[in-house]
Amino acid sequence: MTAREAKRINRRAAAVTFLAAVNAVALILTVIFWLVVWLKRWIPSPGSLTAMTERANAATTYGFMAGDLIWSAPLLLLAALGLWRRRFWGWTAAQMANVLWIYSMTVIWVRDGYSTVSPGAVLFTPFAVIAFWAIGVLWRHRSLFREQ
């Protein structure tokens, strides 16, 4: 291995540094968003609603809250830390978080297409757009994440 190759392997790519920061910001915004939704009671409890469609919509929102706090938040934390430290588990967590962004925002975009644009769609769409780009970038830089 040449000195130049060793230096390339030992440094973190700028795109990877950017993605580590994006995942950290996404984690913070996700947790704050759901804390505000819950504390301000922006969405009524599904059990307090009588119309089945309203109950289903509220329950879906609470389901997204649970999914984000149980799955997305830990993956975003692992992605931010693991990308920063160039660990394979961070690369894997980041790719998993990217897929979750694309999946969940697709659901939100379809739902909002039949109603109004939600605050969550406005806040989190940039992360889904970055996720599309990040999948390819991380794939191209996967050699930086070999366990040492």
N, C-alpha and C. Protein backbone atom coordinates (compact mmCIF):
# COMPACT_ATOMS: atom_id res chain seq x y z
N MET A 1 0.85 -1.17 0.00
CA MET A 1 0.00 0.00 0.00
C MET A 1 0.90 1.24 0.00
N THR A 2 0.58 2.16 -0.86
CA THR A 2 1.36 3.39 -0.93
C THR A 2 0.96 4.33 0.20
N ALA A 3 1.79 5.31 0.45
CA ALA A 3 1.50 6.30 1.49
C ALA A 3 0.22 7.07 1.16
N ARG A 4 0.03 7.33 -0.13
CA ARG A 4 -1.16 8.05 -0.55
C ARG A 4 -2.43 7.23 -0.29
N GLU A 5 -2.39 5.94 -0.58
CA GLU A 5 -3.54 5.07 -0.32
C GLU A 5 -3.82 4.98 1.17
N ALA A 6 -2.76 4.87 1.97
CA ALA A 6 -2.93 4.79 3.42
C ALA A 6 -3.57 6.07 3.96
N LYS A 7 -3.14 7.21 3.46
CA LYS A 7 -3.70 8.48 3.89
C LYS A 7 -5.18 8.56 3.52
N ARG A 8 -5.52 8.12 2.30
CA ARG A 8 -6.91 8.12 1.84
C ARG A 8 -7.78 7.24 2.73
N ILE A 9 -7.26 6.09 3.10
CA ILE A 9 -8.02 5.17 3.94
C ILE A 9 -8.20 5.73 5.34
N ASN A 10 -7.18 6.42 5.85
CA ASN A 10 -7.22 6.92 7.21
C ASN A 10 -8.03 8.20 7.39
N ARG A 11 -8.29 8.89 6.33
CA ARG A 11 -9.09 10.11 6.48
C ARG A 11 -10.55 9.81 6.18
N ARG A 12 -11.39 10.58 6.80
CA ARG A 12 -12.82 10.43 6.61
C ARG A 12 -13.22 11.29 5.40
N ALA A 13 -13.94 10.75 4.49
CA ALA A 13 -14.41 11.51 3.32
C ALA A 13 -15.31 12.65 3.79
N ALA A 14 -15.25 13.77 3.09
CA ALA A 14 -16.07 14.93 3.45
C ALA A 14 -17.56 14.57 3.43
N ALA A 15 -17.97 13.77 2.46
CA ALA A 15 -19.38 13.37 2.38
C ALA A 15 -19.79 12.54 3.60
N VAL A 16 -18.89 11.71 4.07
CA VAL A 16 -19.18 10.88 5.25
C VAL A 16 -19.29 11.77 6.49
N THR A 17 -18.41 12.75 6.61
CA THR A 17 -18.49 13.69 7.73
C THR A 17 -19.82 14.44 7.68
N PHE A 18 -20.20 14.89 6.50
CA PHE A 18 -21.48 15.58 6.32
C PHE A 18 -22.64 14.68 6.75
N LEU A 19 -22.61 13.41 6.32
CA LEU A 19 -23.69 12.49 6.66
C LEU A 19 -23.73 12.18 8.15
N ALA A 20 -22.58 12.11 8.80
CA ALA A 20 -22.57 11.91 10.25
C ALA A 20 -23.27 13.09 10.94
N ALA A 21 -22.98 14.30 10.48
CA ALA A 21 -23.62 15.49 11.05
C ALA A 21 -25.11 15.51 10.75
N VAL A 22 -25.50 15.16 9.53
CA VAL A 22 -26.92 15.14 9.15
C VAL A 22 -27.68 14.15 10.03
N ASN A 23 -27.10 12.98 10.27
CA ASN A 23 -27.77 12.00 11.12
C ASN A 23 -27.90 12.50 12.56
N ALA A 24 -26.91 13.22 13.06
CA ALA A 24 -27.00 13.78 14.41
C ALA A 24 -28.11 14.84 14.47
N VAL A 25 -28.17 15.70 13.48
CA VAL A 25 -29.22 16.73 13.43
C VAL A 25 -30.60 16.06 13.30
N ALA A 26 -30.69 15.06 12.45
CA ALA A 26 -31.96 14.34 12.26
C ALA A 26 -32.43 13.71 13.57
N LEU A 27 -31.49 13.14 14.32
CA LEU A 27 -31.84 12.54 15.62
C LEU A 27 -32.42 13.60 16.55
N ILE A 28 -31.74 14.71 16.66
CA ILE A 28 -32.19 15.78 17.57
C ILE A 28 -33.56 16.30 17.14
N LEU A 29 -33.73 16.58 15.85
CA LEU A 29 -35.01 17.10 15.36
C LEU A 29 -36.15 16.09 15.52
N THR A 30 -35.85 14.83 15.29
CA THR A 30 -36.87 13.79 15.43
C THR A 30 -37.37 13.71 16.87
N VAL A 31 -36.46 13.68 17.81
CA VAL A 31 -36.85 13.58 19.21
C VAL A 31 -37.60 14.84 19.66
N ILE A 32 -37.09 16.01 19.29
CA ILE A 32 -37.76 17.27 19.66
C ILE A 32 -39.14 17.34 19.02
N PHE A 33 -39.25 16.99 17.75
CA PHE A 33 -40.54 17.03 17.05
C PHE A 33 -41.58 16.20 17.80
N TRP A 34 -41.22 14.94 18.12
CA TRP A 34 -42.20 14.08 18.77
C TRP A 34 -42.48 14.49 20.21
N LEU A 35 -41.50 15.05 20.90
CA LEU A 35 -41.76 15.57 22.24
C LEU A 35 -42.75 16.73 22.19
N VAL A 36 -42.59 17.62 21.23
CA VAL A 36 -43.51 18.75 21.08
C VAL A 36 -44.91 18.24 20.72
N VAL A 37 -45.00 17.32 19.77
CA VAL A 37 -46.31 16.77 19.38
C VAL A 37 -46.99 16.16 20.60
N TRP A 38 -46.24 15.41 21.40
CA TRP A 38 -46.83 14.74 22.55
C TRP A 38 -47.16 15.72 23.68
N LEU A 39 -46.22 16.61 24.01
CA LEU A 39 -46.44 17.53 25.13
C LEU A 39 -47.51 18.58 24.83
N LYS A 40 -47.57 19.03 23.59
CA LYS A 40 -48.58 20.04 23.21
C LYS A 40 -49.92 19.41 22.86
N ARG A 41 -49.95 18.08 22.81
CA ARG A 41 -51.18 17.34 22.46
C ARG A 41 -51.75 17.82 21.13
N TRP A 42 -50.85 17.98 20.14
CA TRP A 42 -51.29 18.40 18.81
C TRP A 42 -52.19 17.37 18.15
N ILE A 43 -51.98 16.12 18.51
CA ILE A 43 -52.80 15.04 17.97
C ILE A 43 -53.61 14.46 19.14
N PRO A 44 -54.93 14.46 19.04
CA PRO A 44 -55.72 13.90 20.13
C PRO A 44 -55.50 12.39 20.27
N SER A 45 -55.75 11.90 21.44
CA SER A 45 -55.65 10.46 21.68
C SER A 45 -56.67 9.75 20.79
N PRO A 46 -56.25 8.68 20.12
CA PRO A 46 -57.20 7.97 19.25
C PRO A 46 -58.46 7.53 19.99
N GLY A 47 -58.33 7.15 21.25
CA GLY A 47 -59.49 6.71 22.02
C GLY A 47 -60.49 7.81 22.31
N SER A 48 -60.07 9.07 22.19
CA SER A 48 -60.97 10.19 22.48
C SER A 48 -61.81 10.60 21.27
N LEU A 49 -61.53 9.99 20.12
CA LEU A 49 -62.22 10.36 18.89
C LEU A 49 -63.33 9.35 18.58
N THR A 50 -64.41 9.83 17.99
CA THR A 50 -65.53 8.93 17.70
C THR A 50 -65.56 8.46 16.25
N ALA A 51 -65.18 9.32 15.32
CA ALA A 51 -65.19 8.92 13.91
C ALA A 51 -64.03 7.96 13.63
N MET A 52 -64.34 6.85 12.99
CA MET A 52 -63.33 5.82 12.74
C MET A 52 -62.15 6.36 11.94
N THR A 53 -62.41 7.20 10.94
CA THR A 53 -61.32 7.74 10.12
C THR A 53 -60.41 8.64 10.94
N GLU A 54 -60.99 9.44 11.82
CA GLU A 54 -60.18 10.31 12.69
C GLU A 54 -59.35 9.47 13.65
N ARG A 55 -59.97 8.42 14.21
CA ARG A 55 -59.23 7.53 15.11
C ARG A 55 -58.06 6.88 14.40
N ALA A 56 -58.31 6.42 13.18
CA ALA A 56 -57.26 5.75 12.41
C ALA A 56 -56.12 6.72 12.09
N ASN A 57 -56.45 7.94 11.72
CA ASN A 57 -55.42 8.93 11.39
C ASN A 57 -54.59 9.27 12.62
N ALA A 58 -55.24 9.47 13.76
CA ALA A 58 -54.51 9.78 15.00
C ALA A 58 -53.65 8.58 15.41
N ALA A 59 -54.20 7.38 15.29
CA ALA A 59 -53.43 6.18 15.66
C ALA A 59 -52.22 6.01 14.74
N THR A 60 -52.37 6.33 13.47
CA THR A 60 -51.24 6.25 12.53
C THR A 60 -50.14 7.22 12.94
N THR A 61 -50.52 8.42 13.33
CA THR A 61 -49.52 9.40 13.77
C THR A 61 -48.81 8.91 15.02
N TYR A 62 -49.56 8.38 15.98
CA TYR A 62 -48.92 7.83 17.18
C TYR A 62 -48.05 6.62 16.84
N GLY A 63 -48.45 5.87 15.83
CA GLY A 63 -47.63 4.75 15.37
C GLY A 63 -46.31 5.23 14.79
N PHE A 64 -46.34 6.32 14.02
CA PHE A 64 -45.10 6.91 13.51
C PHE A 64 -44.22 7.39 14.66
N MET A 65 -44.86 7.98 15.69
CA MET A 65 -44.10 8.44 16.85
C MET A 65 -43.39 7.25 17.51
N ALA A 66 -44.12 6.19 17.74
CA ALA A 66 -43.52 5.00 18.37
C ALA A 66 -42.41 4.43 17.50
N GLY A 67 -42.67 4.29 16.21
CA GLY A 67 -41.66 3.75 15.30
C GLY A 67 -40.41 4.62 15.25
N ASP A 68 -40.60 5.93 15.21
CA ASP A 68 -39.45 6.83 15.17
C ASP A 68 -38.63 6.77 16.45
N LEU A 69 -39.30 6.70 17.58
CA LEU A 69 -38.57 6.68 18.85
C LEU A 69 -37.94 5.31 19.14
N ILE A 70 -38.59 4.25 18.69
CA ILE A 70 -38.06 2.90 18.95
C ILE A 70 -37.01 2.50 17.92
N TRP A 71 -37.21 2.84 16.65
CA TRP A 71 -36.32 2.38 15.59
C TRP A 71 -35.45 3.48 14.99
N SER A 72 -36.07 4.55 14.55
CA SER A 72 -35.31 5.58 13.84
C SER A 72 -34.30 6.29 14.74
N ALA A 73 -34.72 6.70 15.92
CA ALA A 73 -33.80 7.45 16.79
C ALA A 73 -32.55 6.64 17.14
N PRO A 74 -32.68 5.39 17.58
CA PRO A 74 -31.45 4.63 17.85
C PRO A 74 -30.59 4.42 16.60
N LEU A 75 -31.23 4.18 15.44
CA LEU A 75 -30.45 4.03 14.21
C LEU A 75 -29.73 5.32 13.84
N LEU A 76 -30.38 6.45 14.02
CA LEU A 76 -29.74 7.73 13.73
C LEU A 76 -28.56 7.98 14.66
N LEU A 77 -28.70 7.61 15.92
CA LEU A 77 -27.59 7.75 16.88
C LEU A 77 -26.42 6.86 16.46
N LEU A 78 -26.72 5.60 16.18
CA LEU A 78 -25.66 4.68 15.75
C LEU A 78 -25.02 5.15 14.44
N ALA A 79 -25.83 5.65 13.53
CA ALA A 79 -25.31 6.13 12.25
C ALA A 79 -24.38 7.32 12.46
N ALA A 80 -24.81 8.29 13.25
CA ALA A 80 -23.98 9.48 13.47
C ALA A 80 -22.65 9.10 14.11
N LEU A 81 -22.70 8.30 15.16
CA LEU A 81 -21.46 7.91 15.85
C LEU A 81 -20.60 6.99 14.99
N GLY A 82 -21.24 6.03 14.36
CA GLY A 82 -20.50 5.05 13.57
C GLY A 82 -19.90 5.62 12.30
N LEU A 83 -20.60 6.54 11.64
CA LEU A 83 -20.02 7.18 10.47
C LEU A 83 -18.84 8.05 10.87
N TRP A 84 -19.01 8.77 11.97
CA TRP A 84 -17.92 9.64 12.44
C TRP A 84 -16.67 8.83 12.75
N ARG A 85 -16.86 7.65 13.35
CA ARG A 85 -15.73 6.80 13.74
C ARG A 85 -15.34 5.81 12.65
N ARG A 86 -16.03 5.87 11.51
CA ARG A 86 -15.77 4.98 10.37
C ARG A 86 -15.87 3.51 10.77
N ARG A 87 -16.97 3.15 11.37
CA ARG A 87 -17.22 1.78 11.76
C ARG A 87 -18.27 1.16 10.83
N PHE A 88 -18.10 -0.13 10.58
CA PHE A 88 -19.03 -0.82 9.69
C PHE A 88 -20.45 -0.78 10.24
N TRP A 89 -20.61 -0.90 11.55
CA TRP A 89 -21.94 -0.87 12.13
C TRP A 89 -22.58 0.51 11.94
N GLY A 90 -21.80 1.55 11.88
CA GLY A 90 -22.33 2.89 11.60
C GLY A 90 -22.80 3.01 10.17
N TRP A 91 -22.01 2.43 9.26
CA TRP A 91 -22.38 2.42 7.85
C TRP A 91 -23.70 1.67 7.67
N THR A 92 -23.81 0.53 8.33
CA THR A 92 -25.03 -0.29 8.24
C THR A 92 -26.22 0.46 8.84
N ALA A 93 -26.04 1.07 10.01
CA ALA A 93 -27.13 1.83 10.64
C ALA A 93 -27.56 2.99 9.76
N ALA A 94 -26.59 3.66 9.12
CA ALA A 94 -26.91 4.78 8.24
C ALA A 94 -27.73 4.31 7.04
N GLN A 95 -27.35 3.19 6.46
CA GLN A 95 -28.12 2.68 5.32
C GLN A 95 -29.53 2.28 5.77
N MET A 96 -29.65 1.69 6.94
CA MET A 96 -30.98 1.34 7.45
C MET A 96 -31.81 2.60 7.70
N ALA A 97 -31.20 3.63 8.27
CA ALA A 97 -31.91 4.89 8.51
C ALA A 97 -32.32 5.53 7.18
N ASN A 98 -31.47 5.44 6.18
CA ASN A 98 -31.81 5.98 4.86
C ASN A 98 -33.07 5.32 4.30
N VAL A 99 -33.14 4.01 4.42
CA VAL A 99 -34.32 3.29 3.93
C VAL A 99 -35.55 3.69 4.73
N LEU A 100 -35.41 3.87 6.04
CA LEU A 100 -36.55 4.30 6.84
C LEU A 100 -37.03 5.70 6.43
N TRP A 101 -36.09 6.60 6.14
CA TRP A 101 -36.48 7.93 5.68
C TRP A 101 -37.31 7.84 4.41
N ILE A 102 -36.82 7.08 3.45
CA ILE A 102 -37.50 6.97 2.16
C ILE A 102 -38.87 6.32 2.34
N TYR A 103 -38.94 5.26 3.11
CA TYR A 103 -40.21 4.56 3.33
C TYR A 103 -41.21 5.46 4.05
N SER A 104 -40.82 6.00 5.20
CA SER A 104 -41.78 6.76 5.99
C SER A 104 -42.21 8.05 5.30
N MET A 105 -41.29 8.70 4.61
CA MET A 105 -41.68 9.93 3.92
C MET A 105 -42.56 9.63 2.71
N THR A 106 -42.40 8.48 2.09
CA THR A 106 -43.30 8.10 1.01
C THR A 106 -44.73 7.99 1.54
N VAL A 107 -44.90 7.38 2.70
CA VAL A 107 -46.22 7.27 3.32
C VAL A 107 -46.77 8.67 3.61
N ILE A 108 -45.93 9.53 4.17
CA ILE A 108 -46.36 10.89 4.52
C ILE A 108 -46.74 11.68 3.27
N TRP A 109 -45.92 11.59 2.21
CA TRP A 109 -46.22 12.32 0.98
C TRP A 109 -47.54 11.86 0.37
N VAL A 110 -47.80 10.57 0.38
CA VAL A 110 -49.06 10.07 -0.17
C VAL A 110 -50.22 10.56 0.70
N ARG A 111 -50.09 10.42 2.01
CA ARG A 111 -51.16 10.89 2.91
C ARG A 111 -51.42 12.37 2.72
N ASP A 112 -50.36 13.18 2.72
CA ASP A 112 -50.52 14.63 2.58
C ASP A 112 -51.05 15.02 1.21
N GLY A 113 -50.81 14.18 0.21
CA GLY A 113 -51.35 14.44 -1.13
C GLY A 113 -52.87 14.40 -1.15
N TYR A 114 -53.46 13.71 -0.18
CA TYR A 114 -54.91 13.61 -0.10
C TYR A 114 -55.50 14.56 0.94
N SER A 115 -54.64 15.31 1.61
CA SER A 115 -55.15 16.26 2.62
C SER A 115 -54.35 17.56 2.50
N THR A 116 -53.64 17.91 3.53
CA THR A 116 -52.80 19.11 3.51
C THR A 116 -51.37 18.71 3.89
N VAL A 117 -50.44 19.56 3.53
CA VAL A 117 -49.04 19.28 3.85
C VAL A 117 -48.85 19.44 5.36
N SER A 118 -48.31 18.41 5.97
CA SER A 118 -48.13 18.39 7.42
C SER A 118 -46.81 19.02 7.82
N PRO A 119 -46.70 19.48 9.07
CA PRO A 119 -45.43 20.03 9.56
C PRO A 119 -44.29 19.01 9.46
N GLY A 120 -44.60 17.75 9.73
CA GLY A 120 -43.58 16.71 9.63
C GLY A 120 -43.05 16.55 8.23
N ALA A 121 -43.92 16.69 7.23
CA ALA A 121 -43.47 16.58 5.84
C ALA A 121 -42.52 17.72 5.50
N VAL A 122 -42.84 18.91 5.95
CA VAL A 122 -41.99 20.07 5.68
C VAL A 122 -40.64 19.91 6.38
N LEU A 123 -40.67 19.49 7.64
CA LEU A 123 -39.44 19.38 8.43
C LEU A 123 -38.55 18.24 7.96
N PHE A 124 -39.14 17.10 7.60
CA PHE A 124 -38.34 15.90 7.36
C PHE A 124 -38.09 15.56 5.89
N THR A 125 -38.75 16.22 4.95
CA THR A 125 -38.49 15.94 3.54
C THR A 125 -37.02 16.12 3.15
N PRO A 126 -36.33 17.15 3.64
CA PRO A 126 -34.90 17.27 3.28
C PRO A 126 -34.08 16.04 3.67
N PHE A 127 -34.43 15.39 4.76
CA PHE A 127 -33.69 14.20 5.18
C PHE A 127 -33.94 13.03 4.22
N ALA A 128 -35.15 12.94 3.70
CA ALA A 128 -35.44 11.88 2.72
C ALA A 128 -34.69 12.15 1.42
N VAL A 129 -34.62 13.39 1.01
CA VAL A 129 -33.88 13.74 -0.20
C VAL A 129 -32.40 13.41 -0.01
N ILE A 130 -31.86 13.77 1.13
CA ILE A 130 -30.45 13.44 1.42
C ILE A 130 -30.27 11.93 1.46
N ALA A 131 -31.25 11.20 1.97
CA ALA A 131 -31.15 9.74 2.07
C ALA A 131 -30.99 9.10 0.69
N PHE A 132 -31.73 9.60 -0.30
CA PHE A 132 -31.57 9.06 -1.66
C PHE A 132 -30.12 9.21 -2.12
N TRP A 133 -29.56 10.36 -1.89
CA TRP A 133 -28.17 10.64 -2.28
C TRP A 133 -27.20 9.83 -1.43
N ALA A 134 -27.47 9.74 -0.12
CA ALA A 134 -26.56 9.10 0.82
C ALA A 134 -26.37 7.61 0.54
N ILE A 135 -27.40 6.95 0.09
CA ILE A 135 -27.29 5.52 -0.19
C ILE A 135 -26.15 5.26 -1.17
N GLY A 136 -26.11 6.01 -2.25
CA GLY A 136 -25.05 5.85 -3.24
C GLY A 136 -23.69 6.28 -2.73
N VAL A 137 -23.66 7.40 -2.02
CA VAL A 137 -22.39 7.90 -1.48
C VAL A 137 -21.79 6.89 -0.51
N LEU A 138 -22.60 6.38 0.38
CA LEU A 138 -22.08 5.41 1.35
C LEU A 138 -21.64 4.13 0.65
N TRP A 139 -22.36 3.74 -0.37
CA TRP A 139 -21.95 2.54 -1.09
C TRP A 139 -20.58 2.75 -1.73
N ARG A 140 -20.39 3.91 -2.34
CA ARG A 140 -19.09 4.18 -2.98
C ARG A 140 -17.96 4.29 -1.97
N HIS A 141 -18.25 4.71 -0.75
CA HIS A 141 -17.22 4.87 0.29
C HIS A 141 -17.19 3.69 1.27
N ARG A 142 -17.81 2.59 0.91
CA ARG A 142 -17.90 1.46 1.85
C ARG A 142 -16.53 0.92 2.28
N SER A 143 -15.51 1.09 1.45
CA SER A 143 -14.18 0.59 1.81
C SER A 143 -13.60 1.36 3.01
N LEU A 144 -14.11 2.54 3.31
CA LEU A 144 -13.64 3.28 4.50
C LEU A 144 -14.12 2.65 5.79
N PHE A 145 -15.06 1.74 5.69
CA PHE A 145 -15.71 1.22 6.89
C PHE A 145 -15.33 -0.23 7.19
N ARG A 146 -14.25 -0.69 6.64
CA ARG A 146 -13.79 -2.03 6.98
C ARG A 146 -13.31 -2.01 8.42
N GLU A 147 -13.71 -3.03 9.15
CA GLU A 147 -13.29 -3.11 10.56
C GLU A 147 -11.79 -3.21 10.65
N GLN A 148 -11.23 -2.46 11.57
CA GLN A 148 -9.77 -2.41 11.71
C GLN A 148 -9.28 -3.28 12.84
